[in-house]
Amino acid sequence: MTYIIAEPCVDVLDRACVEECPVDCIYEGGRALYIQPDECVDCGACEPVCPVEAIFYEDDVPDEWEPYVSANVDFFVDLGSPGGASKVGKTDYDPPFVKNLPPMGEED
């Protein structure tokens, strides 16, 4: 099991979780952040610092955001487990589910 970053993060990309992560397992896509499940040590340090409350333990993802579990898996299909997000930097890739979402996170 691992943590999942869900819809509240899309187009927000606050990155407080990235700074808090002790193992550098939170990767940045074009529109969202993703947690590499093989690199995550399930410490939970990222969850309380997320200002938009987008991080959930995989078993606790709200039903309406369940597709983000698959999106997180899909993000790492080609990327694999590079051993640290700082080695990779920001990518322009998002899984189709996230890429095709309407713009989010904007204040009215």
N, C-alpha and C. Protein backbone atom coordinates (compact mmCIF):
# COMPACT_ATOMS: atom_id res chain seq x y z
N MET A 1 0.84 -1.19 0.00
CA MET A 1 0.00 0.00 0.00
C MET A 1 0.88 1.25 0.00
N THR A 2 0.28 2.32 -0.46
CA THR A 2 1.01 3.58 -0.53
C THR A 2 0.03 4.73 -0.40
N TYR A 3 0.54 5.91 -0.52
CA TYR A 3 -0.29 7.11 -0.50
C TYR A 3 -0.60 7.53 -1.93
N ILE A 4 -1.74 8.16 -2.11
CA ILE A 4 -2.21 8.62 -3.40
C ILE A 4 -2.50 10.11 -3.30
N ILE A 5 -2.16 10.85 -4.34
CA ILE A 5 -2.50 12.27 -4.41
C ILE A 5 -3.68 12.40 -5.36
N ALA A 6 -4.76 12.98 -4.86
CA ALA A 6 -6.02 13.02 -5.60
C ALA A 6 -6.33 14.41 -6.17
N GLU A 7 -7.55 14.57 -6.62
CA GLU A 7 -8.00 15.74 -7.38
C GLU A 7 -7.67 17.12 -6.81
N PRO A 8 -7.72 17.33 -5.49
CA PRO A 8 -7.43 18.69 -5.01
C PRO A 8 -6.05 19.22 -5.40
N CYS A 9 -5.14 18.34 -5.78
CA CYS A 9 -3.79 18.78 -6.17
C CYS A 9 -3.70 19.20 -7.63
N VAL A 10 -4.62 18.74 -8.45
CA VAL A 10 -4.53 19.01 -9.89
C VAL A 10 -4.50 20.52 -10.14
N ASP A 11 -3.50 20.96 -10.86
CA ASP A 11 -3.26 22.36 -11.21
C ASP A 11 -2.89 23.25 -10.02
N VAL A 12 -2.74 22.67 -8.83
CA VAL A 12 -2.31 23.43 -7.66
C VAL A 12 -0.81 23.24 -7.44
N LEU A 13 -0.38 21.99 -7.36
CA LEU A 13 1.04 21.64 -7.23
C LEU A 13 1.76 22.45 -6.15
N ASP A 14 1.23 22.45 -4.94
CA ASP A 14 1.80 23.24 -3.85
C ASP A 14 3.23 22.82 -3.50
N ARG A 15 3.54 21.54 -3.51
CA ARG A 15 4.86 20.97 -3.27
C ARG A 15 5.30 20.96 -1.82
N ALA A 16 4.45 21.33 -0.87
CA ALA A 16 4.82 21.21 0.55
C ALA A 16 5.12 19.75 0.88
N CYS A 17 4.38 18.86 0.26
CA CYS A 17 4.59 17.42 0.49
C CYS A 17 5.96 16.98 -0.01
N VAL A 18 6.39 17.54 -1.13
CA VAL A 18 7.69 17.19 -1.71
C VAL A 18 8.81 17.58 -0.74
N GLU A 19 8.68 18.75 -0.16
CA GLU A 19 9.69 19.23 0.78
C GLU A 19 9.72 18.40 2.06
N GLU A 20 8.59 17.84 2.44
CA GLU A 20 8.49 17.06 3.68
C GLU A 20 8.90 15.61 3.50
N CYS A 21 8.84 15.09 2.29
CA CYS A 21 9.10 13.68 2.02
C CYS A 21 10.57 13.32 2.30
N PRO A 22 10.81 12.39 3.23
CA PRO A 22 12.20 12.05 3.56
C PRO A 22 12.89 11.15 2.54
N VAL A 23 12.13 10.56 1.60
CA VAL A 23 12.74 9.64 0.64
C VAL A 23 12.63 10.11 -0.81
N ASP A 24 12.17 11.35 -1.02
CA ASP A 24 12.14 11.94 -2.37
C ASP A 24 11.34 11.09 -3.36
N CYS A 25 10.13 10.65 -2.95
CA CYS A 25 9.34 9.76 -3.80
C CYS A 25 8.13 10.44 -4.44
N ILE A 26 8.02 11.76 -4.33
CA ILE A 26 6.88 12.47 -4.90
C ILE A 26 7.34 13.18 -6.17
N TYR A 27 6.79 12.72 -7.29
CA TYR A 27 7.20 13.19 -8.62
C TYR A 27 6.20 14.19 -9.16
N GLU A 28 6.70 15.12 -9.96
CA GLU A 28 5.85 16.18 -10.50
C GLU A 28 5.58 15.95 -11.98
N GLY A 29 4.29 15.84 -12.29
CA GLY A 29 3.86 15.78 -13.68
C GLY A 29 3.50 17.17 -14.15
N GLY A 30 2.85 17.26 -15.28
CA GLY A 30 2.46 18.55 -15.82
C GLY A 30 1.38 19.25 -15.02
N ARG A 31 0.44 18.46 -14.48
CA ARG A 31 -0.71 19.04 -13.78
C ARG A 31 -0.89 18.55 -12.35
N ALA A 32 -0.15 17.54 -11.94
CA ALA A 32 -0.34 16.96 -10.61
C ALA A 32 0.94 16.33 -10.10
N LEU A 33 0.93 15.96 -8.83
CA LEU A 33 2.03 15.25 -8.20
C LEU A 33 1.64 13.79 -8.03
N TYR A 34 2.64 12.90 -8.03
CA TYR A 34 2.40 11.47 -7.95
C TYR A 34 3.42 10.83 -7.01
N ILE A 35 2.96 9.86 -6.21
CA ILE A 35 3.83 9.19 -5.26
C ILE A 35 4.25 7.84 -5.83
N GLN A 36 5.56 7.61 -5.94
CA GLN A 36 6.09 6.35 -6.46
C GLN A 36 5.93 5.28 -5.38
N PRO A 37 5.06 4.28 -5.62
CA PRO A 37 4.73 3.31 -4.57
C PRO A 37 5.89 2.44 -4.12
N ASP A 38 6.84 2.15 -5.00
CA ASP A 38 7.97 1.31 -4.61
C ASP A 38 9.02 2.08 -3.81
N GLU A 39 9.00 3.39 -3.92
CA GLU A 39 9.96 4.23 -3.20
C GLU A 39 9.39 4.78 -1.89
N CYS A 40 8.08 4.86 -1.81
CA CYS A 40 7.40 5.39 -0.62
C CYS A 40 7.59 4.43 0.55
N VAL A 41 7.93 4.97 1.72
CA VAL A 41 8.12 4.15 2.91
C VAL A 41 6.91 4.23 3.85
N ASP A 42 5.82 4.78 3.34
CA ASP A 42 4.56 4.87 4.10
C ASP A 42 4.71 5.57 5.45
N CYS A 43 5.55 6.59 5.49
CA CYS A 43 5.76 7.30 6.75
C CYS A 43 4.62 8.27 7.06
N GLY A 44 3.92 8.72 6.02
CA GLY A 44 2.80 9.63 6.21
C GLY A 44 3.19 11.08 6.42
N ALA A 45 4.45 11.42 6.29
CA ALA A 45 4.90 12.80 6.53
C ALA A 45 4.25 13.78 5.56
N CYS A 46 3.93 13.33 4.36
CA CYS A 46 3.37 14.21 3.34
C CYS A 46 1.92 14.61 3.63
N GLU A 47 1.18 13.72 4.20
CA GLU A 47 -0.27 13.92 4.35
C GLU A 47 -0.64 15.17 5.16
N PRO A 48 -0.11 15.38 6.36
CA PRO A 48 -0.57 16.53 7.14
C PRO A 48 -0.11 17.89 6.61
N VAL A 49 0.91 17.93 5.76
CA VAL A 49 1.39 19.22 5.27
C VAL A 49 0.70 19.67 3.98
N CYS A 50 -0.12 18.82 3.40
CA CYS A 50 -0.80 19.17 2.15
C CYS A 50 -1.88 20.22 2.43
N PRO A 51 -1.74 21.43 1.89
CA PRO A 51 -2.70 22.50 2.19
C PRO A 51 -4.07 22.29 1.57
N VAL A 52 -4.17 21.43 0.57
CA VAL A 52 -5.48 21.19 -0.07
C VAL A 52 -6.05 19.82 0.28
N GLU A 53 -5.40 19.12 1.23
CA GLU A 53 -5.86 17.81 1.70
C GLU A 53 -6.11 16.84 0.55
N ALA A 54 -5.10 16.69 -0.30
CA ALA A 54 -5.21 15.84 -1.48
C ALA A 54 -4.57 14.47 -1.30
N ILE A 55 -3.88 14.23 -0.19
CA ILE A 55 -3.13 12.99 -0.01
C ILE A 55 -3.89 12.05 0.91
N PHE A 56 -4.04 10.81 0.41
CA PHE A 56 -4.78 9.79 1.15
C PHE A 56 -4.01 8.48 1.12
N TYR A 57 -4.13 7.71 2.21
CA TYR A 57 -3.64 6.35 2.17
C TYR A 57 -4.48 5.62 1.14
N GLU A 58 -3.89 4.75 0.36
CA GLU A 58 -4.57 4.12 -0.77
C GLU A 58 -5.94 3.54 -0.41
N ASP A 59 -6.07 2.91 0.73
CA ASP A 59 -7.35 2.32 1.15
C ASP A 59 -8.37 3.36 1.57
N ASP A 60 -7.94 4.60 1.78
CA ASP A 60 -8.82 5.66 2.28
C ASP A 60 -9.19 6.71 1.24
N VAL A 61 -8.83 6.47 -0.02
CA VAL A 61 -9.17 7.43 -1.08
C VAL A 61 -10.69 7.50 -1.20
N PRO A 62 -11.29 8.69 -1.11
CA PRO A 62 -12.74 8.80 -1.27
C PRO A 62 -13.20 8.23 -2.61
N ASP A 63 -14.38 7.64 -2.61
CA ASP A 63 -14.90 6.97 -3.80
C ASP A 63 -14.86 7.86 -5.04
N GLU A 64 -15.19 9.14 -4.89
CA GLU A 64 -15.23 10.02 -6.06
C GLU A 64 -13.84 10.26 -6.66
N TRP A 65 -12.81 9.97 -5.90
CA TRP A 65 -11.44 10.16 -6.39
C TRP A 65 -10.71 8.84 -6.63
N GLU A 66 -11.42 7.74 -6.65
CA GLU A 66 -10.83 6.43 -6.89
C GLU A 66 -10.02 6.35 -8.20
N PRO A 67 -10.43 7.05 -9.28
CA PRO A 67 -9.63 6.99 -10.51
C PRO A 67 -8.19 7.50 -10.34
N TYR A 68 -7.92 8.25 -9.30
CA TYR A 68 -6.56 8.75 -9.06
C TYR A 68 -5.62 7.64 -8.61
N VAL A 69 -6.17 6.55 -8.09
CA VAL A 69 -5.34 5.40 -7.74
C VAL A 69 -4.71 4.84 -9.02
N SER A 70 -5.55 4.63 -10.04
CA SER A 70 -5.05 4.13 -11.33
C SER A 70 -4.15 5.15 -12.01
N ALA A 71 -4.50 6.43 -11.90
CA ALA A 71 -3.67 7.48 -12.52
C ALA A 71 -2.28 7.47 -11.92
N ASN A 72 -2.19 7.26 -10.61
CA ASN A 72 -0.88 7.21 -9.95
C ASN A 72 -0.06 6.03 -10.49
N VAL A 73 -0.70 4.88 -10.65
CA VAL A 73 -0.02 3.71 -11.22
C VAL A 73 0.42 4.01 -12.65
N ASP A 74 -0.49 4.58 -13.44
CA ASP A 74 -0.20 4.87 -14.85
C ASP A 74 0.97 5.84 -15.02
N PHE A 75 1.11 6.80 -14.11
CA PHE A 75 2.19 7.77 -14.21
C PHE A 75 3.56 7.08 -14.23
N PHE A 76 3.68 5.97 -13.49
CA PHE A 76 4.97 5.31 -13.36
C PHE A 76 5.18 4.14 -14.31
N VAL A 77 4.25 3.90 -15.24
CA VAL A 77 4.41 2.78 -16.18
C VAL A 77 5.71 2.92 -16.97
N ASP A 78 5.93 4.05 -17.58
CA ASP A 78 7.16 4.26 -18.36
C ASP A 78 8.32 4.76 -17.50
N LEU A 79 8.01 5.56 -16.49
CA LEU A 79 9.05 6.17 -15.65
C LEU A 79 9.71 5.13 -14.74
N GLY A 80 8.94 4.17 -14.28
CA GLY A 80 9.47 3.15 -13.37
C GLY A 80 9.78 3.71 -12.01
N SER A 81 10.86 3.24 -11.43
CA SER A 81 11.31 3.67 -10.11
C SER A 81 12.74 4.21 -10.23
N PRO A 82 12.87 5.49 -10.60
CA PRO A 82 14.19 6.05 -10.86
C PRO A 82 15.05 6.29 -9.62
N GLY A 83 14.47 6.13 -8.43
CA GLY A 83 15.27 6.28 -7.22
C GLY A 83 15.35 7.69 -6.68
N GLY A 84 14.35 8.50 -6.98
CA GLY A 84 14.31 9.85 -6.43
C GLY A 84 13.80 10.86 -7.42
N ALA A 85 12.81 11.62 -6.98
CA ALA A 85 12.18 12.61 -7.85
C ALA A 85 13.15 13.72 -8.24
N SER A 86 14.07 14.07 -7.35
CA SER A 86 14.99 15.16 -7.66
C SER A 86 15.91 14.81 -8.83
N LYS A 87 16.13 13.52 -9.07
CA LYS A 87 16.93 13.09 -10.22
C LYS A 87 16.20 13.32 -11.53
N VAL A 88 14.87 13.26 -11.47
CA VAL A 88 14.04 13.35 -12.68
C VAL A 88 13.60 14.78 -12.96
N GLY A 89 13.24 15.52 -11.91
CA GLY A 89 12.70 16.86 -12.09
C GLY A 89 11.27 16.81 -12.60
N LYS A 90 10.74 17.94 -12.93
CA LYS A 90 9.37 18.02 -13.43
C LYS A 90 9.28 17.40 -14.83
N THR A 91 8.22 16.65 -15.05
CA THR A 91 7.95 16.11 -16.37
C THR A 91 6.71 16.79 -16.93
N ASP A 92 6.51 16.72 -18.21
CA ASP A 92 5.29 17.27 -18.80
C ASP A 92 4.20 16.22 -18.91
N TYR A 93 4.49 15.00 -18.43
CA TYR A 93 3.55 13.90 -18.59
C TYR A 93 2.54 13.83 -17.45
N ASP A 94 1.31 13.56 -17.80
CA ASP A 94 0.25 13.17 -16.88
C ASP A 94 -0.50 12.03 -17.56
N PRO A 95 -1.00 11.06 -16.79
CA PRO A 95 -1.83 10.03 -17.40
C PRO A 95 -3.04 10.66 -18.08
N PRO A 96 -3.59 10.02 -19.10
CA PRO A 96 -4.72 10.61 -19.84
C PRO A 96 -5.88 11.07 -18.94
N PHE A 97 -6.17 10.33 -17.89
CA PHE A 97 -7.27 10.72 -16.99
C PHE A 97 -7.04 12.12 -16.43
N VAL A 98 -5.83 12.40 -15.98
CA VAL A 98 -5.51 13.71 -15.40
C VAL A 98 -5.33 14.75 -16.50
N LYS A 99 -4.65 14.39 -17.56
CA LYS A 99 -4.39 15.32 -18.66
C LYS A 99 -5.69 15.88 -19.25
N ASN A 100 -6.72 15.06 -19.32
CA ASN A 100 -7.97 15.46 -19.95
C ASN A 100 -8.97 16.14 -19.01
N LEU A 101 -8.60 16.35 -17.76
CA LEU A 101 -9.50 17.05 -16.84
C LEU A 101 -9.60 18.52 -17.22
N PRO A 102 -10.74 19.15 -16.92
CA PRO A 102 -10.82 20.59 -17.13
C PRO A 102 -9.88 21.31 -16.15
N PRO A 103 -9.50 22.56 -16.44
CA PRO A 103 -8.63 23.31 -15.52
C PRO A 103 -9.23 23.35 -14.12
N MET A 104 -8.37 23.19 -13.11
CA MET A 104 -8.81 23.17 -11.71
C MET A 104 -7.90 24.03 -10.88
N GLY A 105 -8.32 24.23 -9.62
CA GLY A 105 -7.46 24.92 -8.66
C GLY A 105 -7.39 26.40 -8.83
N GLU A 106 -8.23 26.96 -9.68
CA GLU A 106 -8.19 28.40 -9.88
C GLU A 106 -9.19 29.08 -8.96
N GLU A 107 -8.79 30.18 -8.40
CA GLU A 107 -9.68 30.96 -7.55
C GLU A 107 -10.60 31.79 -8.42
N ASP A 108 -11.87 31.86 -8.05
CA ASP A 108 -12.83 32.68 -8.80
C ASP A 108 -12.78 34.12 -8.36
